[in-house]
Amino acid sequence: GGGLVQPGGSLSLSCAASGTILFINAMGWY
């Protein structure tokens, strides 16, 4: 979802976790 956008515009980032997972507590963006 990253890219180039003009000031005042909008963008949506997505993240999908895969692999050996029992469960996920917190998730976040840095």
ModelCIF file with pLDDT and N, C-alpha, C, O atoms, coordinates in Angstrom:
data_MODEL
#
_entry.id   MODEL 
#
_entity.id                         1 
_entity.type                       polymer 
_entity.pdbx_number_of_molecules   1 
#
_entity_poly.entity_id                      1 
_entity_poly.type                           'polypeptide(L)' 
_entity_poly.nstd_linkage                   no 
_entity_poly.nstd_monomer                   no 
_entity_poly.pdbx_seq_one_letter_code       GGGLVQPGGSLSLSCAASGTILFINAMGWY 
_entity_poly.pdbx_seq_one_letter_code_can   GGGLVQPGGSLSLSCAASGTILFINAMGWY 
_entity_poly.pdbx_strand_id                 A 
#
loop_
_entity_poly_seq.entity_id 
_entity_poly_seq.num 
_entity_poly_seq.mon_id 
_entity_poly_seq.hetero 
1 1  GLY n 
1 2  GLY n 
1 3  GLY n 
1 4  LEU n 
1 5  VAL n 
1 6  GLN n 
1 7  PRO n 
1 8  GLY n 
1 9  GLY n 
1 10 SER n 
1 11 LEU n 
1 12 SER n 
1 13 LEU n 
1 14 SER n 
1 15 CYS n 
1 16 ALA n 
1 17 ALA n 
1 18 SER n 
1 19 GLY n 
1 20 THR n 
1 21 ILE n 
1 22 LEU n 
1 23 PHE n 
1 24 ILE n 
1 25 ASN n 
1 26 ALA n 
1 27 MET n 
1 28 GLY n 
1 29 TRP n 
1 30 TYR n 
#
_struct_asym.id          A 
_struct_asym.entity_id   1 
#
loop_
_ma_qa_metric.id 
_ma_qa_metric.mode 
_ma_qa_metric.name 
_ma_qa_metric.software_group_id 
_ma_qa_metric.type 
1 global pLDDT . pLDDT 
2 local  pLDDT . pLDDT 
#
_ma_qa_metric_global.metric_id      1 
_ma_qa_metric_global.metric_value   96.63 
_ma_qa_metric_global.model_id       1 
_ma_qa_metric_global.ordinal_id     1 
#
loop_
_ma_qa_metric_local.label_asym_id 
_ma_qa_metric_local.label_comp_id 
_ma_qa_metric_local.label_seq_id 
_ma_qa_metric_local.metric_id 
_ma_qa_metric_local.metric_value 
_ma_qa_metric_local.model_id 
_ma_qa_metric_local.ordinal_id 
A GLY 1  2 96.00 1 1  
A GLY 2  2 97.00 1 2  
A GLY 3  2 97.00 1 3  
A LEU 4  2 98.00 1 4  
A VAL 5  2 98.00 1 5  
A GLN 6  2 98.00 1 6  
A PRO 7  2 98.00 1 7  
A GLY 8  2 98.00 1 8  
A GLY 9  2 98.00 1 9  
A SER 10 2 98.00 1 10 
A LEU 11 2 98.00 1 11 
A SER 12 2 98.00 1 12 
A LEU 13 2 98.00 1 13 
A SER 14 2 98.00 1 14 
A CYS 15 2 98.00 1 15 
A ALA 16 2 97.00 1 16 
A ALA 17 2 97.00 1 17 
A SER 18 2 96.00 1 18 
A GLY 19 2 94.00 1 19 
A THR 20 2 91.00 1 20 
A ILE 21 2 94.00 1 21 
A LEU 22 2 92.00 1 22 
A PHE 23 2 93.00 1 23 
A ILE 24 2 96.00 1 24 
A ASN 25 2 95.00 1 25 
A ALA 26 2 97.00 1 26 
A MET 27 2 97.00 1 27 
A GLY 28 2 98.00 1 28 
A TRP 29 2 98.00 1 29 
A TYR 30 2 98.00 1 30 
#
loop_
_atom_site.group_PDB 
_atom_site.id 
_atom_site.type_symbol 
_atom_site.label_atom_id 
_atom_site.label_alt_id 
_atom_site.label_comp_id 
_atom_site.label_asym_id 
_atom_site.label_entity_id 
_atom_site.label_seq_id 
_atom_site.pdbx_PDB_ins_code 
_atom_site.Cartn_x 
_atom_site.Cartn_y 
_atom_site.Cartn_z 
_atom_site.occupancy 
_atom_site.B_iso_or_equiv 
_atom_site.pdbx_formal_charge 
_atom_site.auth_seq_id 
_atom_site.auth_comp_id 
_atom_site.auth_asym_id 
_atom_site.auth_atom_id 
_atom_site.pdbx_PDB_model_num 
ATOM 1   N N  . GLY A 1 1  ? 0.770  -1.230  0.000  1.00 96.00 ? 1  GLY A N  1 
ATOM 2   C CA . GLY A 1 1  ? 0.000  0.000   0.000  1.00 96.00 ? 1  GLY A CA 1 
ATOM 3   C C  . GLY A 1 1  ? 0.804  1.283   0.000  1.00 96.00 ? 1  GLY A C  1 
ATOM 4   O O  . GLY A 1 1  ? 0.223  2.363   -0.117 1.00 96.00 ? 1  GLY A O  1 
ATOM 5   N N  . GLY A 1 2  ? 2.115  1.205   0.127  1.00 97.00 ? 2  GLY A N  1 
ATOM 6   C CA . GLY A 1 2  ? 2.931  2.407   0.098  1.00 97.00 ? 2  GLY A CA 1 
ATOM 7   C C  . GLY A 1 2  ? 2.971  3.021   -1.287 1.00 97.00 ? 2  GLY A C  1 
ATOM 8   O O  . GLY A 1 2  ? 2.587  2.392   -2.273 1.00 97.00 ? 2  GLY A O  1 
ATOM 9   N N  . GLY A 1 3  ? 3.445  4.267   -1.350 1.00 97.00 ? 3  GLY A N  1 
ATOM 10  C CA . GLY A 1 3  ? 3.539  4.943   -2.627 1.00 97.00 ? 3  GLY A CA 1 
ATOM 11  C C  . GLY A 1 3  ? 3.698  6.433   -2.477 1.00 97.00 ? 3  GLY A C  1 
ATOM 12  O O  . GLY A 1 3  ? 4.034  6.932   -1.404 1.00 97.00 ? 3  GLY A O  1 
ATOM 13  N N  . LEU A 1 4  ? 3.451  7.150   -3.574 1.00 98.00 ? 4  LEU A N  1 
ATOM 14  C CA . LEU A 1 4  ? 3.566  8.596   -3.644 1.00 98.00 ? 4  LEU A CA 1 
ATOM 15  C C  . LEU A 1 4  ? 2.184  9.223   -3.624 1.00 98.00 ? 4  LEU A C  1 
ATOM 16  O O  . LEU A 1 4  ? 1.295  8.803   -4.365 1.00 98.00 ? 4  LEU A O  1 
ATOM 17  N N  . VAL A 1 5  ? 1.999  10.235  -2.770 1.00 98.00 ? 5  VAL A N  1 
ATOM 18  C CA . VAL A 1 5  ? 0.716  10.911  -2.664 1.00 98.00 ? 5  VAL A CA 1 
ATOM 19  C C  . VAL A 1 5  ? 0.953  12.396  -2.411 1.00 98.00 ? 5  VAL A C  1 
ATOM 20  O O  . VAL A 1 5  ? 1.958  12.772  -1.806 1.00 98.00 ? 5  VAL A O  1 
ATOM 21  N N  . GLN A 1 6  ? 0.030  13.241  -2.873 1.00 98.00 ? 6  GLN A N  1 
ATOM 22  C CA . GLN A 1 6  ? 0.140  14.678  -2.660 1.00 98.00 ? 6  GLN A CA 1 
ATOM 23  C C  . GLN A 1 6  ? -0.311 15.066  -1.259 1.00 98.00 ? 6  GLN A C  1 
ATOM 24  O O  . GLN A 1 6  ? -1.112 14.355  -0.652 1.00 98.00 ? 6  GLN A O  1 
ATOM 25  N N  . PRO A 1 7  ? 0.192  16.189  -0.730 1.00 98.00 ? 7  PRO A N  1 
ATOM 26  C CA . PRO A 1 7  ? -0.279 16.656  0.579  1.00 98.00 ? 7  PRO A CA 1 
ATOM 27  C C  . PRO A 1 7  ? -1.795 16.788  0.604  1.00 98.00 ? 7  PRO A C  1 
ATOM 28  O O  . PRO A 1 7  ? -2.404 17.277  -0.348 1.00 98.00 ? 7  PRO A O  1 
ATOM 29  N N  . GLY A 1 8  ? -2.401 16.343  1.713  1.00 98.00 ? 8  GLY A N  1 
ATOM 30  C CA . GLY A 1 8  ? -3.845 16.340  1.841  1.00 98.00 ? 8  GLY A CA 1 
ATOM 31  C C  . GLY A 1 8  ? -4.510 15.081  1.336  1.00 98.00 ? 8  GLY A C  1 
ATOM 32  O O  . GLY A 1 8  ? -5.706 14.881  1.552  1.00 98.00 ? 8  GLY A O  1 
ATOM 33  N N  . GLY A 1 9  ? -3.760 14.233  0.669  1.00 98.00 ? 9  GLY A N  1 
ATOM 34  C CA . GLY A 1 9  ? -4.295 13.007  0.128  1.00 98.00 ? 9  GLY A CA 1 
ATOM 35  C C  . GLY A 1 9  ? -4.362 11.895  1.154  1.00 98.00 ? 9  GLY A C  1 
ATOM 36  O O  . GLY A 1 9  ? -4.050 12.088  2.329  1.00 98.00 ? 9  GLY A O  1 
ATOM 37  N N  . SER A 1 10 ? -4.780 10.718  0.681  1.00 98.00 ? 10 SER A N  1 
ATOM 38  C CA . SER A 1 10 ? -4.960 9.560   1.544  1.00 98.00 ? 10 SER A CA 1 
ATOM 39  C C  . SER A 1 10 ? -4.223 8.353   0.997  1.00 98.00 ? 10 SER A C  1 
ATOM 40  O O  . SER A 1 10 ? -3.968 8.247   -0.203 1.00 98.00 ? 10 SER A O  1 
ATOM 41  N N  . LEU A 1 11 ? -3.889 7.448   1.899  1.00 98.00 ? 11 LEU A N  1 
ATOM 42  C CA . LEU A 1 11 ? -3.210 6.215   1.544  1.00 98.00 ? 11 LEU A CA 1 
ATOM 43  C C  . LEU A 1 11 ? -3.551 5.174   2.598  1.00 98.00 ? 11 LEU A C  1 
ATOM 44  O O  . LEU A 1 11 ? -3.708 5.507   3.772  1.00 98.00 ? 11 LEU A O  1 
ATOM 45  N N  . SER A 1 12 ? -3.666 3.918   2.186  1.00 98.00 ? 12 SER A N  1 
ATOM 46  C CA . SER A 1 12 ? -3.973 2.836   3.113  1.00 98.00 ? 12 SER A CA 1 
ATOM 47  C C  . SER A 1 12 ? -2.880 1.774   3.049  1.00 98.00 ? 12 SER A C  1 
ATOM 48  O O  . SER A 1 12 ? -2.563 1.264   1.974  1.00 98.00 ? 12 SER A O  1 
ATOM 49  N N  . LEU A 1 13 ? -2.307 1.446   4.202  1.00 98.00 ? 13 LEU A N  1 
ATOM 50  C CA . LEU A 1 13 ? -1.288 0.416   4.305  1.00 98.00 ? 13 LEU A CA 1 
ATOM 51  C C  . LEU A 1 13 ? -1.890 -0.848  4.907  1.00 98.00 ? 13 LEU A C  1 
ATOM 52  O O  . LEU A 1 13 ? -2.705 -0.776  5.827  1.00 98.00 ? 13 LEU A O  1 
ATOM 53  N N  . SER A 1 14 ? -1.486 -2.003  4.387  1.00 98.00 ? 14 SER A N  1 
ATOM 54  C CA . SER A 1 14 ? -1.958 -3.282  4.900  1.00 98.00 ? 14 SER A CA 1 
ATOM 55  C C  . SER A 1 14 ? -0.774 -4.170  5.229  1.00 98.00 ? 14 SER A C  1 
ATOM 56  O O  . SER A 1 14 ? 0.289  -4.065  4.617  1.00 98.00 ? 14 SER A O  1 
ATOM 57  N N  . CYS A 1 15 ? -0.972 -5.053  6.210  1.00 98.00 ? 15 CYS A N  1 
ATOM 58  C CA . CYS A 1 15 ? 0.056  -5.997  6.625  1.00 98.00 ? 15 CYS A CA 1 
ATOM 59  C C  . CYS A 1 15 ? -0.609 -7.314  6.969  1.00 98.00 ? 15 CYS A C  1 
ATOM 60  O O  . CYS A 1 15 ? -1.554 -7.350  7.757  1.00 98.00 ? 15 CYS A O  1 
ATOM 61  N N  . ALA A 1 16 ? -0.117 -8.401  6.380  1.00 97.00 ? 16 ALA A N  1 
ATOM 62  C CA . ALA A 1 16 ? -0.650 -9.728  6.628  1.00 97.00 ? 16 ALA A CA 1 
ATOM 63  C C  . ALA A 1 16 ? 0.431  -10.622 7.231  1.00 97.00 ? 16 ALA A C  1 
ATOM 64  O O  . ALA A 1 16 ? 1.527  -10.735 6.681  1.00 97.00 ? 16 ALA A O  1 
ATOM 65  N N  . ALA A 1 17 ? 0.123  -11.254 8.356  1.00 97.00 ? 17 ALA A N  1 
ATOM 66  C CA . ALA A 1 17 ? 1.039  -12.185 9.003  1.00 97.00 ? 17 ALA A CA 1 
ATOM 67  C C  . ALA A 1 17 ? 0.729  -13.612 8.575  1.00 97.00 ? 17 ALA A C  1 
ATOM 68  O O  . ALA A 1 17 ? -0.434 -14.010 8.505  1.00 97.00 ? 17 ALA A O  1 
ATOM 69  N N  . SER A 1 18 ? 1.776  -14.379 8.288  1.00 96.00 ? 18 SER A N  1 
ATOM 70  C CA . SER A 1 18 ? 1.602  -15.771 7.898  1.00 96.00 ? 18 SER A CA 1 
ATOM 71  C C  . SER A 1 18 ? 2.698  -16.628 8.526  1.00 96.00 ? 18 SER A C  1 
ATOM 72  O O  . SER A 1 18 ? 3.744  -16.114 8.922  1.00 96.00 ? 18 SER A O  1 
ATOM 73  N N  . GLY A 1 19 ? 2.453  -17.936 8.615  1.00 94.00 ? 19 GLY A N  1 
ATOM 74  C CA . GLY A 1 19 ? 3.412  -18.860 9.197  1.00 94.00 ? 19 GLY A CA 1 
ATOM 75  C C  . GLY A 1 19 ? 2.832  -19.598 10.384 1.00 94.00 ? 19 GLY A C  1 
ATOM 76  O O  . GLY A 1 19 ? 1.619  -19.785 10.479 1.00 94.00 ? 19 GLY A O  1 
ATOM 77  N N  . THR A 1 20 ? 3.711  -20.020 11.300 1.00 91.00 ? 20 THR A N  1 
ATOM 78  C CA . THR A 1 20 ? 3.294  -20.764 12.482 1.00 91.00 ? 20 THR A CA 1 
ATOM 79  C C  . THR A 1 20 ? 2.835  -19.787 13.559 1.00 91.00 ? 20 THR A C  1 
ATOM 80  O O  . THR A 1 20 ? 3.652  -19.172 14.243 1.00 91.00 ? 20 THR A O  1 
ATOM 81  N N  . ILE A 1 21 ? 1.523  -19.653 13.698 1.00 94.00 ? 21 ILE A N  1 
ATOM 82  C CA . ILE A 1 21 ? 0.933  -18.659 14.598 1.00 94.00 ? 21 ILE A CA 1 
ATOM 83  C C  . ILE A 1 21 ? -0.148 -19.312 15.440 1.00 94.00 ? 21 ILE A C  1 
ATOM 84  O O  . ILE A 1 21 ? -1.092 -19.897 14.911 1.00 94.00 ? 21 ILE A O  1 
ATOM 85  N N  . LEU A 1 22 ? -0.005 -19.208 16.756 1.00 92.00 ? 22 LEU A N  1 
ATOM 86  C CA . LEU A 1 22 ? -1.081 -19.599 17.655 1.00 92.00 ? 22 LEU A CA 1 
ATOM 87  C C  . LEU A 1 22 ? -2.081 -18.455 17.758 1.00 92.00 ? 22 LEU A C  1 
ATOM 88  O O  . LEU A 1 22 ? -3.277 -18.643 17.538 1.00 92.00 ? 22 LEU A O  1 
ATOM 89  N N  . PHE A 1 23 ? -1.587 -17.278 18.092 1.00 93.00 ? 23 PHE A N  1 
ATOM 90  C CA . PHE A 1 23 ? -2.381 -16.063 18.047 1.00 93.00 ? 23 PHE A CA 1 
ATOM 91  C C  . PHE A 1 23 ? -1.440 -14.873 18.119 1.00 93.00 ? 23 PHE A C  1 
ATOM 92  O O  . PHE A 1 23 ? -0.268 -15.011 18.469 1.00 93.00 ? 23 PHE A O  1 
ATOM 93  N N  . ILE A 1 24 ? -1.965 -13.708 17.784 1.00 96.00 ? 24 ILE A N  1 
ATOM 94  C CA . ILE A 1 24 ? -1.204 -12.471 17.822 1.00 96.00 ? 24 ILE A CA 1 
ATOM 95  C C  . ILE A 1 24 ? -1.825 -11.547 18.850 1.00 96.00 ? 24 ILE A C  1 
ATOM 96  O O  . ILE A 1 24 ? -3.027 -11.286 18.820 1.00 96.00 ? 24 ILE A O  1 
ATOM 97  N N  . ASN A 1 25 ? -0.991 -11.048 19.769 1.00 95.00 ? 25 ASN A N  1 
ATOM 98  C CA . ASN A 1 25 ? -1.469 -10.087 20.748 1.00 95.00 ? 25 ASN A CA 1 
ATOM 99  C C  . ASN A 1 25 ? -1.610 -8.712  20.073 1.00 95.00 ? 25 ASN A C  1 
ATOM 100 O O  . ASN A 1 25 ? -2.570 -8.481  19.338 1.00 95.00 ? 25 ASN A O  1 
ATOM 101 N N  . ALA A 1 26 ? -0.675 -7.818  20.316 1.00 97.00 ? 26 ALA A N  1 
ATOM 102 C CA . ALA A 1 26 ? -0.755 -6.489  19.720 1.00 97.00 ? 26 ALA A CA 1 
ATOM 103 C C  . ALA A 1 26 ? -0.138 -6.469  18.330 1.00 97.00 ? 26 ALA A C  1 
ATOM 104 O O  . ALA A 1 26 ? 0.777  -7.239  18.037 1.00 97.00 ? 26 ALA A O  1 
ATOM 105 N N  . MET A 1 27 ? -0.639 -5.593  17.485 1.00 97.00 ? 27 MET A N  1 
ATOM 106 C CA . MET A 1 27 ? -0.056 -5.299  16.190 1.00 97.00 ? 27 MET A CA 1 
ATOM 107 C C  . MET A 1 27 ? 0.081  -3.781  16.075 1.00 97.00 ? 27 MET A C  1 
ATOM 108 O O  . MET A 1 27 ? -0.607 -3.032  16.770 1.00 97.00 ? 27 MET A O  1 
ATOM 109 N N  . GLY A 1 28 ? 0.969  -3.343  15.198 1.00 98.00 ? 28 GLY A N  1 
ATOM 110 C CA . GLY A 1 28 ? 1.147  -1.913  15.077 1.00 98.00 ? 28 GLY A CA 1 
ATOM 111 C C  . GLY A 1 28 ? 1.939  -1.503  13.856 1.00 98.00 ? 28 GLY A C  1 
ATOM 112 O O  . GLY A 1 28 ? 2.401  -2.330  13.071 1.00 98.00 ? 28 GLY A O  1 
ATOM 113 N N  . TRP A 1 29 ? 2.079  -0.194  13.725 1.00 98.00 ? 29 TRP A N  1 
ATOM 114 C CA . TRP A 1 29 ? 2.856  0.411   12.654 1.00 98.00 ? 29 TRP A CA 1 
ATOM 115 C C  . TRP A 1 29 ? 3.869  1.374   13.244 1.00 98.00 ? 29 TRP A C  1 
ATOM 116 O O  . TRP A 1 29 ? 3.549  2.160   14.137 1.00 98.00 ? 29 TRP A O  1 
ATOM 117 N N  . TYR A 1 30 ? 5.092  1.309   12.741 1.00 98.00 ? 30 TYR A N  1 
ATOM 118 C CA . TYR A 1 30 ? 6.160  2.238   13.072 1.00 98.00 ? 30 TYR A CA 1 
ATOM 119 C C  . TYR A 1 30 ? 6.627  2.906   11.786 1.00 98.00 ? 30 TYR A C  1 
ATOM 120 O O  . TYR A 1 30 ? 7.532  3.739   11.816 1.00 98.00 ? 30 TYR A O  1 
#
